[in-house]
Amino acid sequence: MRRTLQFATLAGAMMLLAGGASAQQFNGGIPAGWNCIGTCGTLGANGVVTAPPVGGPQYGFVSTAGSNATANLPGVGGSGSPTNGSLLRSSAISLNAGQNLSFYFNYVTSDGSGFADYAWARLLNAGSMTQAALLFTARTNATGGPIVPGFSMPAPEATLTPASQAIQAGTTWSPLGGSSNTCFATGCGHSGWIFSEFILLASGSYILEFGVTNWIDTAFDSGMAFDGLAVDGTPVQAVVPEPISMVLLGSGLAGIAAARRRRRKQDPEDEG
């Protein structure tokens, strides 16, 4: 019984690592252990938000629609102040200095004029919940300037592709609720999928945070979609705090096989 349990555990771990490259975070809903404040969810291609370039067919999202929570990013400027918003935080993941953290995002806003809603993603230190790195920003911009990165916001430390993105027409997206397919003055639309990647500066335990905020009022909602979260190309949900190397797994399986052979020599009648 014990040998069978060991084999099943090791084989299961090998299947997890072997299948990790094709595993996607949001196909089964928000991952277990992630924490939502406000309005969060998962969805497939819908309205102006197409299926993500990698991952999918489901992506995660946060939206100001229907949220009574307060969520904002420190250091955001401009005339006015934040109102309601939403946050989604991952469970803690262990990352090493030099690893590449990457993902895709798509900002959608029905607001415009001076109502500069915004969205962001950042990396938090799991213990203190202090910011380790700002990964991207996006903001409603009525001047016709870029919405990515967001104006009057702290500068993101990640590399974005494209580095700057103007608004694209279209606000039809069901997570915006009653604001879907509406537009308040110049500035509404969506960013399209943007790629973000960041090289870790220090090893540690981290939490990913995705957020979106209404600005000045709670009318004409905004939201953000995201998917393809990966560390060195491996989906985040497959990264565990204490990684088990393939070498150790192989050694464990070889050890079990050797033990079974020794037992057969000691007991020729044992065929299992």
C-alpha atoms as a PDB file:
ATOM      1  CA  MET A   1       0.000   0.000   0.000  1.00  0.00           C
ATOM      2  CA  ARG A   2       2.730   2.430   0.968  1.00  0.00           C
ATOM      3  CA  ARG A   3       4.721   1.708  -2.229  1.00  0.00           C
ATOM      4  CA  THR A   4       1.593   2.251  -4.320  1.00  0.00           C
ATOM      5  CA  LEU A   5       0.878   5.581  -2.603  1.00  0.00           C
ATOM      6  CA  GLN A   6       4.440   6.801  -3.140  1.00  0.00           C
ATOM      7  CA  PHE A   7       4.316   5.857  -6.806  1.00  0.00           C
ATOM      8  CA  ALA A   8       0.967   7.552  -7.346  1.00  0.00           C
ATOM      9  CA  THR A   9       2.154  10.731  -5.620  1.00  0.00           C
ATOM     10  CA  LEU A  10       5.363  10.966  -7.635  1.00  0.00           C
ATOM     11  CA  ALA A  11       3.646  10.059 -10.891  1.00  0.00           C
ATOM     12  CA  GLY A  12       0.973  12.664 -10.214  1.00  0.00           C
ATOM     13  CA  ALA A  13       3.611  15.319  -9.616  1.00  0.00           C
ATOM     14  CA  MET A  14       5.306  14.392 -12.880  1.00  0.00           C
ATOM     15  CA  MET A  15       2.006  14.687 -14.723  1.00  0.00           C
ATOM     16  CA  LEU A  16       1.482  18.144 -13.184  1.00  0.00           C
ATOM     17  CA  LEU A  17       4.871  19.372 -14.360  1.00  0.00           C
ATOM     18  CA  ALA A  18       4.604  17.736 -17.766  1.00  0.00           C
ATOM     19  CA  GLY A  19       1.147  19.204 -18.312  1.00  0.00           C
ATOM     20  CA  GLY A  20       1.984  22.586 -16.809  1.00  0.00           C
ATOM     21  CA  ALA A  21       2.825  24.233 -20.124  1.00  0.00           C
ATOM     22  CA  SER A  22      -0.701  23.625 -21.406  1.00  0.00           C
ATOM     23  CA  ALA A  23      -2.528  24.348 -18.138  1.00  0.00           C
ATOM     24  CA  GLN A  24      -4.374  27.661 -18.050  1.00  0.00           C
ATOM     25  CA  GLN A  25      -5.378  29.685 -15.038  1.00  0.00           C
ATOM     26  CA  PHE A  26      -8.971  30.660 -15.736  1.00  0.00           C
ATOM     27  CA  ASN A  27     -10.589  27.863 -17.759  1.00  0.00           C
ATOM     28  CA  GLY A  28     -12.132  26.499 -14.559  1.00  0.00           C
ATOM     29  CA  GLY A  29     -12.988  29.872 -13.019  1.00  0.00           C
ATOM     30  CA  ILE A  30     -10.967  31.967 -10.569  1.00  0.00           C
ATOM     31  CA  PRO A  31      -8.206  29.668  -9.203  1.00  0.00           C
ATOM     32  CA  ALA A  32      -8.633  28.303  -5.686  1.00  0.00           C
ATOM     33  CA  GLY A  33      -6.863  30.438  -3.118  1.00  0.00           C
ATOM     34  CA  TRP A  34      -7.188  33.683  -5.094  1.00  0.00           C
ATOM     35  CA  ASN A  35      -9.035  36.503  -3.337  1.00  0.00           C
ATOM     36  CA  CYS A  36     -11.540  38.887  -4.955  1.00  0.00           C
ATOM     37  CA  ILE A  37     -12.674  42.224  -3.538  1.00  0.00           C
ATOM     38  CA  GLY A  38     -15.537  43.705  -5.568  1.00  0.00           C
ATOM     39  CA  THR A  39     -16.391  42.315  -9.008  1.00  0.00           C
ATOM     40  CA  CYS A  40     -14.157  39.603 -10.502  1.00  0.00           C
ATOM     41  CA  GLY A  41     -14.788  36.663 -12.797  1.00  0.00           C
ATOM     42  CA  THR A  42     -13.806  34.635 -15.835  1.00  0.00           C
ATOM     43  CA  LEU A  43     -15.138  34.805 -19.377  1.00  0.00           C
ATOM     44  CA  GLY A  44     -14.401  33.750 -22.939  1.00  0.00           C
ATOM     45  CA  ALA A  45     -14.278  35.951 -26.033  1.00  0.00           C
ATOM     46  CA  ASN A  46     -16.963  38.584 -25.577  1.00  0.00           C
ATOM     47  CA  GLY A  47     -17.638  41.830 -27.421  1.00  0.00           C
ATOM     48  CA  VAL A  48     -14.447  43.797 -28.066  1.00  0.00           C
ATOM     49  CA  VAL A  49     -12.362  41.460 -25.869  1.00  0.00           C
ATOM     50  CA  THR A  50     -11.243  38.599 -28.067  1.00  0.00           C
ATOM     51  CA  ALA A  51      -9.706  35.341 -26.868  1.00  0.00           C
ATOM     52  CA  PRO A  52      -6.236  36.074 -25.443  1.00  0.00           C
ATOM     53  CA  PRO A  53      -3.155  35.513 -27.641  1.00  0.00           C
ATOM     54  CA  VAL A  54      -2.059  32.634 -25.378  1.00  0.00           C
ATOM     55  CA  GLY A  55      -3.943  30.611 -22.797  1.00  0.00           C
ATOM     56  CA  GLY A  56      -7.697  30.792 -23.035  1.00  0.00           C
ATOM     57  CA  PRO A  57     -10.306  30.198 -24.049  1.00  0.00           C
ATOM     58  CA  GLN A  58     -11.229  31.778 -20.691  1.00  0.00           C
ATOM     59  CA  TYR A  59      -9.541  34.846 -19.166  1.00  0.00           C
ATOM     60  CA  GLY A  60      -9.870  36.524 -15.785  1.00  0.00           C
ATOM     61  CA  PHE A  61     -11.288  39.998 -15.279  1.00  0.00           C
ATOM     62  CA  VAL A  62     -11.983  42.743 -12.750  1.00  0.00           C
ATOM     63  CA  SER A  63     -14.669  45.391 -13.253  1.00  0.00           C
ATOM     64  CA  THR A  64     -16.039  48.411 -11.423  1.00  0.00           C
ATOM     65  CA  ALA A  65     -19.582  47.405 -12.447  1.00  0.00           C
ATOM     66  CA  GLY A  66     -21.606  46.269  -9.443  1.00  0.00           C
ATOM     67  CA  SER A  67     -18.751  46.807  -6.985  1.00  0.00           C
ATOM     68  CA  ASN A  68     -19.366  48.526  -3.662  1.00  0.00           C
ATOM     69  CA  ALA A  69     -15.730  48.054  -2.657  1.00  0.00           C
ATOM     70  CA  THR A  70     -12.934  50.595  -2.591  1.00  0.00           C
ATOM     71  CA  ALA A  71      -9.816  49.719  -4.568  1.00  0.00           C
ATOM     72  CA  ASN A  72      -7.129  52.122  -5.676  1.00  0.00           C
ATOM     73  CA  LEU A  73      -3.431  52.372  -6.431  1.00  0.00           C
ATOM     74  CA  PRO A  74      -1.292  54.696  -4.273  1.00  0.00           C
ATOM     75  CA  GLY A  75       0.397  57.582  -6.060  1.00  0.00           C
ATOM     76  CA  VAL A  76      -2.203  58.226  -8.774  1.00  0.00           C
ATOM     77  CA  GLY A  77      -2.611  61.908  -9.596  1.00  0.00           C
ATOM     78  CA  GLY A  78      -4.953  64.093 -11.593  1.00  0.00           C
ATOM     79  CA  SER A  79      -7.972  66.215 -10.769  1.00  0.00           C
ATOM     80  CA  GLY A  80     -10.443  64.221  -8.692  1.00  0.00           C
ATOM     81  CA  SER A  81     -10.244  61.094  -6.572  1.00  0.00           C
ATOM     82  CA  PRO A  82     -11.016  57.353  -6.778  1.00  0.00           C
ATOM     83  CA  THR A  83     -14.455  56.004  -5.903  1.00  0.00           C
ATOM     84  CA  ASN A  84     -15.421  52.324  -6.186  1.00  0.00           C
ATOM     85  CA  GLY A  85     -13.290  49.555  -7.636  1.00  0.00           C
ATOM     86  CA  SER A  86     -12.265  45.898  -7.594  1.00  0.00           C
ATOM     87  CA  LEU A  87      -9.169  43.836  -6.762  1.00  0.00           C
ATOM     88  CA  LEU A  88      -8.123  40.270  -7.515  1.00  0.00           C
ATOM     89  CA  ARG A  89      -5.105  38.845  -5.692  1.00  0.00           C
ATOM     90  CA  SER A  90      -3.402  35.534  -6.376  1.00  0.00           C
ATOM     91  CA  SER A  91      -2.309  33.042  -3.772  1.00  0.00           C
ATOM     92  CA  ALA A  92       1.364  33.312  -2.778  1.00  0.00           C
ATOM     93  CA  ILE A  93       3.901  32.050  -5.300  1.00  0.00           C
ATOM     94  CA  SER A  94       7.625  31.524  -4.826  1.00  0.00           C
ATOM     95  CA  LEU A  95       9.781  33.304  -7.402  1.00  0.00           C
ATOM     96  CA  ASN A  96      13.524  33.532  -7.885  1.00  0.00           C
ATOM     97  CA  ALA A  97      15.688  36.471  -8.906  1.00  0.00           C
ATOM     98  CA  GLY A  98      16.185  36.502 -12.672  1.00  0.00           C
ATOM     99  CA  GLN A  99      12.930  34.717 -13.516  1.00  0.00           C
ATOM    100  CA  ASN A 100      10.654  36.247 -16.148  1.00  0.00           C
ATOM    101  CA  LEU A 101       7.083  37.004 -15.042  1.00  0.00           C
ATOM    102  CA  SER A 102       4.749  37.669 -17.979  1.00  0.00           C
ATOM    103  CA  PHE A 103       1.070  38.013 -18.875  1.00  0.00           C
ATOM    104  CA  TYR A 104      -1.414  39.722 -21.225  1.00  0.00           C
ATOM    105  CA  PHE A 105      -4.022  42.346 -20.329  1.00  0.00           C
ATOM    106  CA  ASN A 106      -6.806  44.306 -22.031  1.00  0.00           C
ATOM    107  CA  TYR A 107      -8.304  47.499 -20.546  1.00  0.00           C
ATOM    108  CA  VAL A 108     -11.892  48.468 -21.441  1.00  0.00           C
ATOM    109  CA  THR A 109     -13.536  51.742 -20.402  1.00  0.00           C
ATOM    110  CA  SER A 110     -16.924  53.303 -21.119  1.00  0.00           C
ATOM    111  CA  ASP A 111     -15.877  56.548 -19.415  1.00  0.00           C
ATOM    112  CA  GLY A 112     -14.291  59.649 -20.908  1.00  0.00           C
ATOM    113  CA  SER A 113     -13.856  63.398 -20.593  1.00  0.00           C
ATOM    114  CA  GLY A 114     -12.340  64.147 -17.150  1.00  0.00           C
ATOM    115  CA  PHE A 115     -13.470  60.864 -15.596  1.00  0.00           C
ATOM    116  CA  ALA A 116     -10.103  59.129 -15.780  1.00  0.00           C
ATOM    117  CA  ASP A 117     -10.802  55.575 -14.593  1.00  0.00           C
ATOM    118  CA  TYR A 118      -7.706  53.373 -14.395  1.00  0.00           C
ATOM    119  CA  ALA A 119      -6.416  49.815 -13.979  1.00  0.00           C
ATOM    120  CA  TRP A 120      -3.142  48.276 -12.865  1.00  0.00           C
ATOM    121  CA  ALA A 121      -1.243  45.133 -11.957  1.00  0.00           C
ATOM    122  CA  ARG A 122       1.537  44.854  -9.417  1.00  0.00           C
ATOM    123  CA  LEU A 123       3.613  42.367  -7.490  1.00  0.00           C
ATOM    124  CA  LEU A 124       3.298  42.417  -3.691  1.00  0.00           C
ATOM    125  CA  ASN A 125       5.598  40.968  -1.056  1.00  0.00           C
ATOM    126  CA  ALA A 126       3.504  38.160   0.434  1.00  0.00           C
ATOM    127  CA  GLY A 127       4.514  38.793   4.042  1.00  0.00           C
ATOM    128  CA  SER A 128       4.169  42.571   4.317  1.00  0.00           C
ATOM    129  CA  MET A 129       1.809  43.132   1.348  1.00  0.00           C
ATOM    130  CA  THR A 130       4.037  46.029   0.320  1.00  0.00           C
ATOM    131  CA  GLN A 131       4.656  46.697  -3.360  1.00  0.00           C
ATOM    132  CA  ALA A 132       7.582  44.844  -4.896  1.00  0.00           C
ATOM    133  CA  ALA A 133       7.016  46.039  -8.483  1.00  0.00           C
ATOM    134  CA  LEU A 134       4.388  47.860 -10.540  1.00  0.00           C
ATOM    135  CA  LEU A 135       3.810  45.718 -13.609  1.00  0.00           C
ATOM    136  CA  PHE A 136       1.505  47.869 -15.739  1.00  0.00           C
ATOM    137  CA  THR A 137      -0.982  50.729 -15.756  1.00  0.00           C
ATOM    138  CA  ALA A 138      -3.821  51.798 -18.047  1.00  0.00           C
ATOM    139  CA  ARG A 139      -6.051  54.873 -17.815  1.00  0.00           C
ATOM    140  CA  THR A 140      -8.938  56.526 -19.618  1.00  0.00           C
ATOM    141  CA  ASN A 141      -7.496  59.472 -21.557  1.00  0.00           C
ATOM    142  CA  ALA A 142      -9.780  62.074 -23.111  1.00  0.00           C
ATOM    143  CA  THR A 143      -6.907  63.961 -24.803  1.00  0.00           C
ATOM    144  CA  GLY A 144      -6.335  61.310 -27.429  1.00  0.00           C
ATOM    145  CA  GLY A 145      -2.996  60.374 -25.882  1.00  0.00           C
ATOM    146  CA  PRO A 146      -2.010  56.824 -24.935  1.00  0.00           C
ATOM    147  CA  ILE A 147      -4.063  54.913 -22.380  1.00  0.00           C
ATOM    148  CA  VAL A 148      -1.167  52.503 -21.746  1.00  0.00           C
ATOM    149  CA  PRO A 149       0.794  53.319 -19.689  1.00  0.00           C
ATOM    150  CA  GLY A 150      -1.666  55.413 -17.685  1.00  0.00           C
ATOM    151  CA  PHE A 151      -1.010  59.137 -17.364  1.00  0.00           C
ATOM    152  CA  SER A 152      -0.426  60.691 -13.907  1.00  0.00           C
ATOM    153  CA  MET A 153       0.272  57.215 -12.546  1.00  0.00           C
ATOM    154  CA  PRO A 154       3.492  55.721 -11.177  1.00  0.00           C
ATOM    155  CA  ALA A 155       5.671  54.365 -13.990  1.00  0.00           C
ATOM    156  CA  PRO A 156       5.409  50.601 -14.519  1.00  0.00           C
ATOM    157  CA  GLU A 157       8.641  48.654 -14.086  1.00  0.00           C
ATOM    158  CA  ALA A 158       7.739  45.956 -16.594  1.00  0.00           C
ATOM    159  CA  THR A 159       8.421  45.963 -20.325  1.00  0.00           C
ATOM    160  CA  LEU A 160       5.194  46.436 -22.301  1.00  0.00           C
ATOM    161  CA  THR A 161       4.602  45.378 -25.907  1.00  0.00           C
ATOM    162  CA  PRO A 162       3.555  47.655 -27.471  1.00  0.00           C
ATOM    163  CA  ALA A 163       5.266  50.187 -25.197  1.00  0.00           C
ATOM    164  CA  SER A 164       2.456  52.708 -25.744  1.00  0.00           C
ATOM    165  CA  GLN A 165      -1.137  52.118 -26.821  1.00  0.00           C
ATOM    166  CA  ALA A 166      -3.851  54.552 -27.909  1.00  0.00           C
ATOM    167  CA  ILE A 167      -7.538  53.858 -27.315  1.00  0.00           C
ATOM    168  CA  GLN A 168      -9.387  51.679 -29.819  1.00  0.00           C
ATOM    169  CA  ALA A 169     -13.082  52.155 -30.528  1.00  0.00           C
ATOM    170  CA  GLY A 170     -15.620  49.837 -28.938  1.00  0.00           C
ATOM    171  CA  THR A 171     -16.915  49.241 -25.406  1.00  0.00           C
ATOM    172  CA  THR A 172     -19.183  46.216 -25.855  1.00  0.00           C
ATOM    173  CA  TRP A 173     -18.157  43.831 -23.071  1.00  0.00           C
ATOM    174  CA  SER A 174     -20.557  42.141 -20.652  1.00  0.00           C
ATOM    175  CA  PRO A 175     -18.427  42.649 -17.471  1.00  0.00           C
ATOM    176  CA  LEU A 176     -19.214  46.374 -17.814  1.00  0.00           C
ATOM    177  CA  GLY A 177     -22.850  45.594 -17.000  1.00  0.00           C
ATOM    178  CA  GLY A 178     -25.172  48.414 -18.020  1.00  0.00           C
ATOM    179  CA  SER A 179     -22.186  50.414 -19.299  1.00  0.00           C
ATOM    180  CA  SER A 180     -21.441  47.855 -22.011  1.00  0.00           C
ATOM    181  CA  ASN A 181     -21.746  49.418 -25.478  1.00  0.00           C
ATOM    182  CA  THR A 182     -22.058  52.914 -23.980  1.00  0.00           C
ATOM    183  CA  CYS A 183     -19.623  55.815 -24.103  1.00  0.00           C
ATOM    184  CA  PHE A 184     -19.334  59.000 -22.081  1.00  0.00           C
ATOM    185  CA  ALA A 185     -17.576  61.586 -24.241  1.00  0.00           C
ATOM    186  CA  THR A 186     -14.099  61.262 -25.759  1.00  0.00           C
ATOM    187  CA  GLY A 187     -11.830  58.634 -24.243  1.00  0.00           C
ATOM    188  CA  CYS A 188     -13.938  55.479 -24.128  1.00  0.00           C
ATOM    189  CA  GLY A 189     -12.844  52.262 -25.823  1.00  0.00           C
ATOM    190  CA  HIS A 190     -10.370  49.449 -25.216  1.00  0.00           C
ATOM    191  CA  SER A 191      -6.629  48.852 -25.399  1.00  0.00           C
ATOM    192  CA  GLY A 192      -6.547  45.464 -27.074  1.00  0.00           C
ATOM    193  CA  TRP A 193      -4.266  42.780 -25.645  1.00  0.00           C
ATOM    194  CA  ILE A 194      -0.950  44.119 -24.295  1.00  0.00           C
ATOM    195  CA  PHE A 195       1.995  41.893 -23.335  1.00  0.00           C
ATOM    196  CA  SER A 196       3.865  42.618 -20.097  1.00  0.00           C
ATOM    197  CA  GLU A 197       7.053  40.988 -18.822  1.00  0.00           C
ATOM    198  CA  PHE A 198       9.190  41.661 -15.768  1.00  0.00           C
ATOM    199  CA  ILE A 199      12.515  40.179 -14.626  1.00  0.00           C
ATOM    200  CA  LEU A 200      12.464  39.448 -10.894  1.00  0.00           C
ATOM    201  CA  LEU A 201      15.035  41.437  -8.935  1.00  0.00           C
ATOM    202  CA  ALA A 202      14.957  39.342  -5.768  1.00  0.00           C
ATOM    203  CA  SER A 203      13.876  35.880  -4.691  1.00  0.00           C
ATOM    204  CA  GLY A 204      10.883  35.631  -2.386  1.00  0.00           C
ATOM    205  CA  SER A 205       7.208  34.867  -1.888  1.00  0.00           C
ATOM    206  CA  TYR A 206       4.916  37.143  -3.895  1.00  0.00           C
ATOM    207  CA  ILE A 207       1.264  37.881  -4.634  1.00  0.00           C
ATOM    208  CA  LEU A 208      -0.069  39.222  -7.939  1.00  0.00           C
ATOM    209  CA  GLU A 209      -2.649  41.998  -7.695  1.00  0.00           C
ATOM    210  CA  PHE A 210      -4.992  43.149 -10.482  1.00  0.00           C
ATOM    211  CA  GLY A 211      -7.165  46.211  -9.893  1.00  0.00           C
ATOM    212  CA  VAL A 212      -9.527  48.688 -11.535  1.00  0.00           C
ATOM    213  CA  THR A 213     -10.972  51.944 -10.201  1.00  0.00           C
ATOM    214  CA  ASN A 214     -13.695  54.428 -11.074  1.00  0.00           C
ATOM    215  CA  TRP A 215     -12.582  58.062 -10.936  1.00  0.00           C
ATOM    216  CA  ILE A 216     -14.693  60.946  -9.537  1.00  0.00           C
ATOM    217  CA  ASP A 217     -18.034  59.113  -9.842  1.00  0.00           C
ATOM    218  CA  THR A 218     -19.407  55.575 -10.062  1.00  0.00           C
ATOM    219  CA  ALA A 219     -21.084  55.941 -13.452  1.00  0.00           C
ATOM    220  CA  PHE A 220     -19.785  54.542 -16.761  1.00  0.00           C
ATOM    221  CA  ASP A 221     -17.771  51.541 -15.671  1.00  0.00           C
ATOM    222  CA  SER A 222     -14.355  50.231 -16.634  1.00  0.00           C
ATOM    223  CA  GLY A 223     -12.678  46.834 -16.413  1.00  0.00           C
ATOM    224  CA  MET A 224      -9.643  44.807 -17.305  1.00  0.00           C
ATOM    225  CA  ALA A 225      -9.127  41.311 -18.708  1.00  0.00           C
ATOM    226  CA  PHE A 226      -5.943  39.274 -18.195  1.00  0.00           C
ATOM    227  CA  ASP A 227      -4.555  35.836 -19.031  1.00  0.00           C
ATOM    228  CA  GLY A 228      -1.409  33.918 -19.889  1.00  0.00           C
ATOM    229  CA  LEU A 229       0.248  34.477 -16.503  1.00  0.00           C
ATOM    230  CA  ALA A 230       3.588  32.686 -16.682  1.00  0.00           C
ATOM    231  CA  VAL A 231       6.976  32.386 -15.010  1.00  0.00           C
ATOM    232  CA  ASP A 232       9.719  31.523 -17.512  1.00  0.00           C
ATOM    233  CA  GLY A 233       6.952  30.265 -19.780  1.00  0.00           C
ATOM    234  CA  THR A 234       5.309  28.055 -17.138  1.00  0.00           C
ATOM    235  CA  PRO A 235       1.727  29.008 -16.121  1.00  0.00           C
ATOM    236  CA  VAL A 236       1.614  30.605 -12.669  1.00  0.00           C
ATOM    237  CA  GLN A 237      -0.871  28.051 -11.313  1.00  0.00           C
ATOM    238  CA  ALA A 238       1.690  25.297 -11.952  1.00  0.00           C
ATOM    239  CA  VAL A 239       4.430  27.087  -9.994  1.00  0.00           C
ATOM    240  CA  VAL A 240       4.594  25.837  -6.395  1.00  0.00           C
ATOM    241  CA  PRO A 241       6.419  27.389  -3.404  1.00  0.00           C
ATOM    242  CA  GLU A 242       8.820  24.431  -3.144  1.00  0.00           C
ATOM    243  CA  PRO A 243       9.411  23.222  -6.734  1.00  0.00           C
ATOM    244  CA  ILE A 244      10.139  19.509  -7.188  1.00  0.00           C
ATOM    245  CA  SER A 245      12.817  18.995  -9.817  1.00  0.00           C
ATOM    246  CA  MET A 246      12.426  16.434 -12.559  1.00  0.00           C
ATOM    247  CA  VAL A 247      15.770  14.943 -11.449  1.00  0.00           C
ATOM    248  CA  LEU A 248      14.460  14.242  -7.949  1.00  0.00           C
ATOM    249  CA  LEU A 249      11.233  12.833  -9.333  1.00  0.00           C
ATOM    250  CA  GLY A 250      13.170  10.548 -11.648  1.00  0.00           C
ATOM    251  CA  SER A 251      15.348   9.382  -8.770  1.00  0.00           C
ATOM    252  CA  GLY A 252      12.281   8.656  -6.674  1.00  0.00           C
ATOM    253  CA  LEU A 253      10.655   6.578  -9.387  1.00  0.00           C
ATOM    254  CA  ALA A 254      13.903   4.704 -10.021  1.00  0.00           C
ATOM    255  CA  GLY A 255      14.223   3.976  -6.294  1.00  0.00           C
ATOM    256  CA  ILE A 256      10.720   2.542  -6.133  1.00  0.00           C
ATOM    257  CA  ALA A 257      11.403   0.328  -9.157  1.00  0.00           C
ATOM    258  CA  ALA A 258      14.650  -0.939  -7.581  1.00  0.00           C
ATOM    259  CA  ALA A 259      12.864  -1.740  -4.317  1.00  0.00           C
ATOM    260  CA  ARG A 260      10.226  -3.726  -6.191  1.00  0.00           C
ATOM    261  CA  ARG A 261      12.953  -5.749  -7.980  1.00  0.00           C
ATOM    262  CA  ARG A 262      14.704  -6.524  -4.684  1.00  0.00           C
ATOM    263  CA  ARG A 263      11.442  -7.735  -3.159  1.00  0.00           C
ATOM    264  CA  ARG A 264      10.818 -10.042  -6.130  1.00  0.00           C
ATOM    265  CA  LYS A 265      14.258 -11.619  -5.614  1.00  0.00           C
ATOM    266  CA  GLN A 266      13.482 -12.187  -1.938  1.00  0.00           C
ATOM    267  CA  ASP A 267       9.996 -13.542  -2.616  1.00  0.00           C
ATOM    268  CA  PRO A 268       9.688 -15.174  -6.088  1.00  0.00           C
ATOM    269  CA  GLU A 269       5.935 -15.652  -5.607  1.00  0.00           C
ATOM    270  CA  ASP A 270       5.364 -11.910  -5.371  1.00  0.00           C
ATOM    271  CA  GLU A 271       4.371 -10.865  -8.892  1.00  0.00           C
ATOM    272  CA  GLY A 272       2.922  -7.463  -7.928  1.00  0.00           C
END
